[in-house]
Amino acid sequence: MPSVVIVDDQPLIRSAIRGLLGADPQVNVVGEAGDGVEALEVIAGTTPDVVLMDIRMPRLDGIRTTAALCADERFAGTRVLVLTTFEEDHYVVAALRAGASGFIGKGAEPEEIPRAVRAIHDGEALLSPAATRALIEKYLTVSRNLDPGPGARPPGPSLETLTAREREVLELVARGRSNQELAAELVISPLTVKTHVNRIMTKIGAHDRAQVVIYAYESGLVVPSSPQD
């Protein structure tokens, strides 16, 4: 059962999310916070499995809070699920680059939120690989030209650390292939695909599929599609 901390500067939203999660017997809410500074204190005292993180907050925003959390070895097992609105999509890539494991809209259907928490806790992709790729493609080119600010993760290891097969798998993951599609395309078993993906994650320091996709673009292995593609 994943334990959860809810972080949002609006008490009404925190209360609504707590009610949704509290109604799910497979999720345990262990704390909440109204800004990033308070969140880090609450997380230190509870060590949750998942943090539902708002982006725009006073004192310390969600991106910097995520970066601080993901850089702390004490919370290596904690996953960050970003709460966002459509208008905030341009912040999502920055949150993923800071270490977030996925994102969900505040306008999601009520049952989708506990489902998303369980998915993140289980290490699954919150959105389909193709949906994650589309968002990253849309904003990564712009975000590369922005000052990442303090707290941004340093560049990952070189592609040279990966074998030729691992680079092939990495590229296909970044292009939105599922493990089953990868297995069929490379004529290998799904278990072998999973092994390759796990080895890639270990080598590049990624803790989930979203981070793998980000790395593929930031390393230059995959180039965002042009508007006509």
Protein backbone atom coordinates (compact mmCIF):
# COMPACT_ATOMS: atom_id res chain seq x y z
CA MET A 1 0.00 0.00 0.00
CA PRO A 2 1.67 3.26 -1.10
CA SER A 3 1.94 6.04 1.47
CA VAL A 4 1.29 9.53 0.12
CA VAL A 5 2.03 13.16 1.00
CA ILE A 6 -0.13 15.81 -0.71
CA VAL A 7 1.58 19.14 -1.51
CA ASP A 8 -0.56 22.04 -2.76
CA ASP A 9 -0.90 25.65 -1.63
CA GLN A 10 -4.71 25.54 -1.83
CA PRO A 11 -6.34 23.91 1.24
CA LEU A 12 -9.49 23.10 -0.72
CA ILE A 13 -7.53 21.10 -3.30
CA ARG A 14 -5.56 19.28 -0.61
CA SER A 15 -8.79 18.41 1.17
CA ALA A 16 -10.44 17.16 -2.02
CA ILE A 17 -7.45 14.99 -2.94
CA ARG A 18 -7.17 13.64 0.58
CA GLY A 19 -10.84 12.65 0.39
CA LEU A 20 -10.33 10.88 -2.94
CA LEU A 21 -7.28 9.00 -1.76
CA GLY A 22 -8.75 8.26 1.65
CA ALA A 23 -11.64 6.46 -0.03
CA ASP A 24 -9.20 4.05 -1.68
CA PRO A 25 -8.24 1.18 0.67
CA GLN A 26 -5.02 0.65 -1.32
CA VAL A 27 -3.62 4.14 -0.61
CA ASN A 28 -2.53 5.66 2.72
CA VAL A 29 -2.27 9.46 3.08
CA VAL A 30 0.39 10.20 5.71
CA GLY A 31 0.72 13.97 5.44
CA GLU A 32 0.17 17.21 3.55
CA ALA A 33 1.89 20.53 3.04
CA GLY A 34 1.07 23.97 1.63
CA ASP A 35 4.44 24.82 0.09
CA GLY A 36 7.82 23.31 -0.76
CA VAL A 37 9.55 24.24 2.47
CA GLU A 38 6.84 22.64 4.57
CA ALA A 39 6.74 19.68 2.17
CA LEU A 40 10.40 18.82 2.71
CA GLU A 41 9.82 18.87 6.48
CA VAL A 42 6.75 16.63 6.24
CA ILE A 43 8.48 14.24 3.83
CA ALA A 44 11.50 13.98 6.13
CA GLY A 45 9.19 12.89 8.92
CA THR A 46 7.10 10.43 6.94
CA THR A 47 9.29 9.12 4.06
CA PRO A 48 6.29 8.52 1.78
CA ASP A 49 6.27 6.29 -1.29
CA VAL A 50 4.63 8.97 -3.43
CA VAL A 51 4.42 12.77 -3.25
CA LEU A 52 1.61 14.52 -5.12
CA MET A 53 3.35 17.80 -5.97
CA ASP A 54 1.80 21.09 -7.09
CA ILE A 55 4.04 23.28 -9.26
CA ARG A 56 3.27 26.90 -8.40
CA MET A 57 3.60 27.46 -4.64
CA PRO A 58 4.97 30.18 -2.34
CA ARG A 59 8.45 30.07 -0.74
CA LEU A 60 9.63 27.02 -2.71
CA ASP A 61 7.89 25.90 -5.90
CA GLY A 62 7.22 22.33 -6.95
CA ILE A 63 10.09 22.10 -9.42
CA ARG A 64 12.75 23.13 -6.91
CA THR A 65 11.15 21.02 -4.21
CA THR A 66 11.21 18.01 -6.54
CA ALA A 67 14.87 18.62 -7.37
CA ALA A 68 15.80 18.85 -3.68
CA LEU A 69 13.81 15.72 -2.86
CA CYS A 70 15.20 13.64 -5.71
CA ALA A 71 18.77 14.67 -4.91
CA ASP A 72 18.46 13.44 -1.32
CA GLU A 73 19.53 9.79 -0.94
CA ARG A 74 17.24 9.40 2.07
CA PHE A 75 14.28 9.53 -0.29
CA ALA A 76 15.58 7.27 -3.06
CA GLY A 77 12.38 5.24 -2.86
CA THR A 78 10.04 8.24 -3.00
CA ARG A 79 8.38 9.06 -6.33
CA VAL A 80 7.02 12.49 -7.30
CA LEU A 81 3.73 12.76 -9.16
CA VAL A 82 3.23 16.32 -10.45
CA LEU A 83 -0.20 17.93 -10.27
CA THR A 84 -0.69 20.30 -13.16
CA THR A 85 -3.25 22.21 -15.19
CA PHE A 86 -3.29 22.47 -18.97
CA GLU A 87 -1.89 26.01 -18.76
CA GLU A 88 1.14 24.72 -16.81
CA ASP A 89 2.25 22.12 -19.35
CA HIS A 90 5.39 24.10 -20.10
CA TYR A 91 6.51 23.48 -16.50
CA VAL A 92 6.11 19.72 -16.74
CA VAL A 93 9.34 19.02 -18.61
CA ALA A 94 11.26 21.06 -16.02
CA ALA A 95 9.66 18.93 -13.30
CA LEU A 96 10.55 15.71 -15.10
CA ARG A 97 14.11 16.93 -15.57
CA ALA A 98 14.25 17.67 -11.84
CA GLY A 99 13.35 14.04 -11.13
CA ALA A 100 9.55 13.74 -11.17
CA SER A 101 8.21 10.35 -12.21
CA GLY A 102 5.08 11.51 -13.99
CA PHE A 103 2.25 14.00 -14.07
CA ILE A 104 -1.52 14.18 -13.84
CA GLY A 105 -3.93 17.01 -14.51
CA LYS A 106 -5.96 18.58 -11.73
CA GLY A 107 -8.97 18.11 -13.95
CA ALA A 108 -8.56 14.34 -14.05
CA GLU A 109 -11.51 12.10 -13.23
CA PRO A 110 -11.63 11.31 -9.50
CA GLU A 111 -10.78 7.63 -9.92
CA GLU A 112 -7.70 8.49 -11.99
CA ILE A 113 -5.81 10.06 -9.08
CA PRO A 114 -5.53 6.99 -6.80
CA ARG A 115 -4.89 4.90 -9.90
CA ALA A 116 -2.03 7.23 -10.85
CA VAL A 117 -0.56 7.01 -7.36
CA ARG A 118 -0.56 3.21 -7.52
CA ALA A 119 0.95 3.25 -11.02
CA ILE A 120 3.81 5.53 -9.97
CA HIS A 121 4.42 3.44 -6.87
CA ASP A 122 4.58 0.27 -8.97
CA GLY A 123 7.09 1.84 -11.35
CA GLU A 124 4.70 1.92 -14.28
CA ALA A 125 4.38 4.70 -16.84
CA LEU A 126 1.63 7.06 -15.71
CA LEU A 127 0.84 8.05 -19.28
CA SER A 128 1.47 5.99 -22.35
CA PRO A 129 5.06 6.29 -23.61
CA ALA A 130 3.75 8.03 -26.71
CA ALA A 131 1.89 10.66 -24.67
CA THR A 132 4.95 11.35 -22.55
CA ARG A 133 7.11 11.57 -25.67
CA ALA A 134 4.71 14.03 -27.31
CA LEU A 135 4.85 16.39 -24.34
CA ILE A 136 8.63 16.17 -24.12
CA GLU A 137 9.01 16.81 -27.86
CA LYS A 138 6.75 19.83 -27.62
CA TYR A 139 8.65 21.59 -24.88
CA LEU A 140 12.18 20.23 -24.69
CA THR A 141 13.54 22.39 -27.51
CA VAL A 142 12.25 25.50 -25.75
CA SER A 143 13.40 24.40 -22.31
CA ARG A 144 16.95 23.83 -23.56
CA ASN A 145 17.18 27.57 -24.14
CA LEU A 146 16.03 28.45 -20.65
CA ASP A 147 18.17 28.88 -17.55
CA PRO A 148 17.60 25.62 -15.64
CA GLY A 149 18.24 27.40 -12.35
CA PRO A 150 19.67 25.95 -9.17
CA GLY A 151 18.45 22.47 -8.39
CA ALA A 152 18.40 21.25 -11.98
CA ARG A 153 20.01 17.87 -12.43
CA PRO A 154 23.45 17.81 -14.04
CA PRO A 155 23.82 16.22 -17.49
CA GLY A 156 23.60 12.43 -17.49
CA PRO A 157 26.40 10.04 -18.42
CA SER A 158 27.58 9.74 -22.01
CA LEU A 159 25.86 7.45 -24.48
CA GLU A 160 29.21 5.65 -24.68
CA THR A 161 28.34 3.91 -21.41
CA LEU A 162 25.59 2.01 -23.25
CA THR A 163 26.04 -0.97 -25.55
CA ALA A 164 24.84 -0.80 -29.15
CA ARG A 165 21.79 -2.87 -28.25
CA GLU A 166 21.01 -0.67 -25.24
CA ARG A 167 21.17 2.45 -27.41
CA GLU A 168 18.79 0.78 -29.85
CA VAL A 169 16.37 -0.05 -27.05
CA LEU A 170 16.71 3.45 -25.60
CA GLU A 171 15.83 5.07 -28.92
CA LEU A 172 12.73 2.91 -29.36
CA VAL A 173 11.58 3.60 -25.79
CA ALA A 174 11.94 7.32 -26.44
CA ARG A 175 9.90 6.97 -29.64
CA GLY A 176 7.01 5.59 -27.65
CA ARG A 177 7.33 1.84 -28.11
CA SER A 178 5.89 -0.36 -25.39
CA ASN A 179 7.86 -3.36 -24.12
CA GLN A 180 5.67 -5.67 -26.20
CA GLU A 181 6.25 -3.60 -29.35
CA LEU A 182 9.96 -3.49 -28.62
CA ALA A 183 10.10 -7.26 -28.26
CA ALA A 184 8.33 -7.78 -31.59
CA GLU A 185 10.47 -5.22 -33.43
CA LEU A 186 13.79 -6.53 -32.10
CA VAL A 187 12.70 -10.19 -32.16
CA ILE A 188 13.50 -10.73 -28.49
CA SER A 189 11.38 -11.69 -25.50
CA PRO A 190 9.56 -9.08 -23.36
CA LEU A 191 11.66 -10.27 -20.41
CA THR A 192 14.85 -9.47 -22.34
CA VAL A 193 13.45 -6.05 -23.19
CA LYS A 194 12.76 -5.42 -19.52
CA THR A 195 16.31 -6.47 -18.65
CA HIS A 196 17.74 -4.05 -21.22
CA VAL A 197 15.56 -1.20 -19.95
CA ASN A 198 16.56 -1.89 -16.34
CA ARG A 199 20.24 -1.89 -17.28
CA ILE A 200 19.83 1.40 -19.15
CA MET A 201 18.12 2.95 -16.12
CA THR A 202 20.95 1.81 -13.87
CA LYS A 203 23.66 3.16 -16.18
CA ILE A 204 22.08 6.58 -16.72
CA GLY A 205 20.78 6.99 -13.18
CA ALA A 206 17.11 7.00 -14.13
CA HIS A 207 14.44 5.66 -11.81
CA ASP A 208 11.56 5.35 -14.27
CA ARG A 209 10.61 5.38 -17.94
CA ALA A 210 9.95 9.11 -18.06
CA GLN A 211 13.54 9.80 -17.04
CA VAL A 212 14.75 7.38 -19.72
CA VAL A 213 12.84 9.34 -22.38
CA ILE A 214 14.19 12.66 -21.11
CA TYR A 215 17.74 11.29 -21.27
CA ALA A 216 17.30 10.07 -24.85
CA TYR A 217 16.41 13.60 -25.97
CA GLU A 218 18.93 15.45 -23.81
CA SER A 219 21.76 13.16 -24.98
CA GLY A 220 20.89 13.90 -28.61
CA LEU A 221 20.10 10.26 -29.42
CA VAL A 222 16.57 11.29 -30.40
CA VAL A 223 15.74 14.66 -31.97
CA PRO A 224 12.30 16.26 -31.45
CA SER A 225 10.05 15.94 -34.48
CA SER A 226 9.67 18.88 -36.79
CA PRO A 227 6.18 20.46 -36.99
CA GLN A 228 5.42 18.71 -40.28
CA ASP A 229 6.23 15.22 -38.89
